[in-house]
Amino acid sequence: MFVGALQIPADVTSNAGYLNPHRLGQLVYEMFGDHRTHEQKKEQAPSGVLFYDKGVVGGQHFILVQSRYRPSHNRLHGAQLTIVEMPETYFNAERYRFEVLLNPTRRNTKSGKREPVKNEEGMKSWFLSRSDEQWGFSVCPETIAAHTRPRLIFSKYGETVHSHSVKYTGLLQVTDRKLFKKSIRYGIGRSRIFGFGLLQIFPEDMA
């Protein structure tokens, strides 16, 4: 698996429209390419290409990127892409500190529409109820933190998209190694093409 950072001059980001998560997602996907088969695309299998917009620092726009494959190109003028291949042994620890950006929602039983989970306890409960069964790890409840980020409002093919955005941090314990590695490779939660779901992990004993 390959992880790294894409640095784009802030003026290029603004002029090219990369502050729009949909446009930024297209850029990242173009760099790594889509390696899914025709059948996998029909079944809407995840591509394994993930990114996390860290914002602008010192005139540079930082985007964390991750893929199962090396990038095929970096044709964006002025951008710098740094990539490293992660050893498989990195994912063999039992406990990790983590950070992930997610879009927590619940379906309204009356309207059938998905609605954002907003209060802090609700956001924590939403995460804890999914981590063990769906993602292959449990989280120490006393370590989890949920920080609401500014709501994302952007255009996608002429339509306005609103995305609730929450940064989760905490300490996780691996309970299902196979499922955990799948969560790392393909991301967790919804709206991954808009920059959600990249699970950043750091072994607990890492300095």
Foldseek 3Di string as FASTA:
>chain_A
DKKWKKKAQPVLCVVVVVVQLLVVLVLQCLFADQPDDPVCVVVVPFRLWFKAFPQDDPRITMIMITAPGHTPDDPRPRMDIDMDDDDPVQLVFFKWKKKFKAQAWDQDPVVRDTDGDDDFVSVLVSCQVQCVPQQQKHFDSVFKGKAWDPWDWHDDPRDIDTTTIIMIIGMIGGHHSVSNVVCQRRFDHDDRSSRGGNMDIDRPPDD
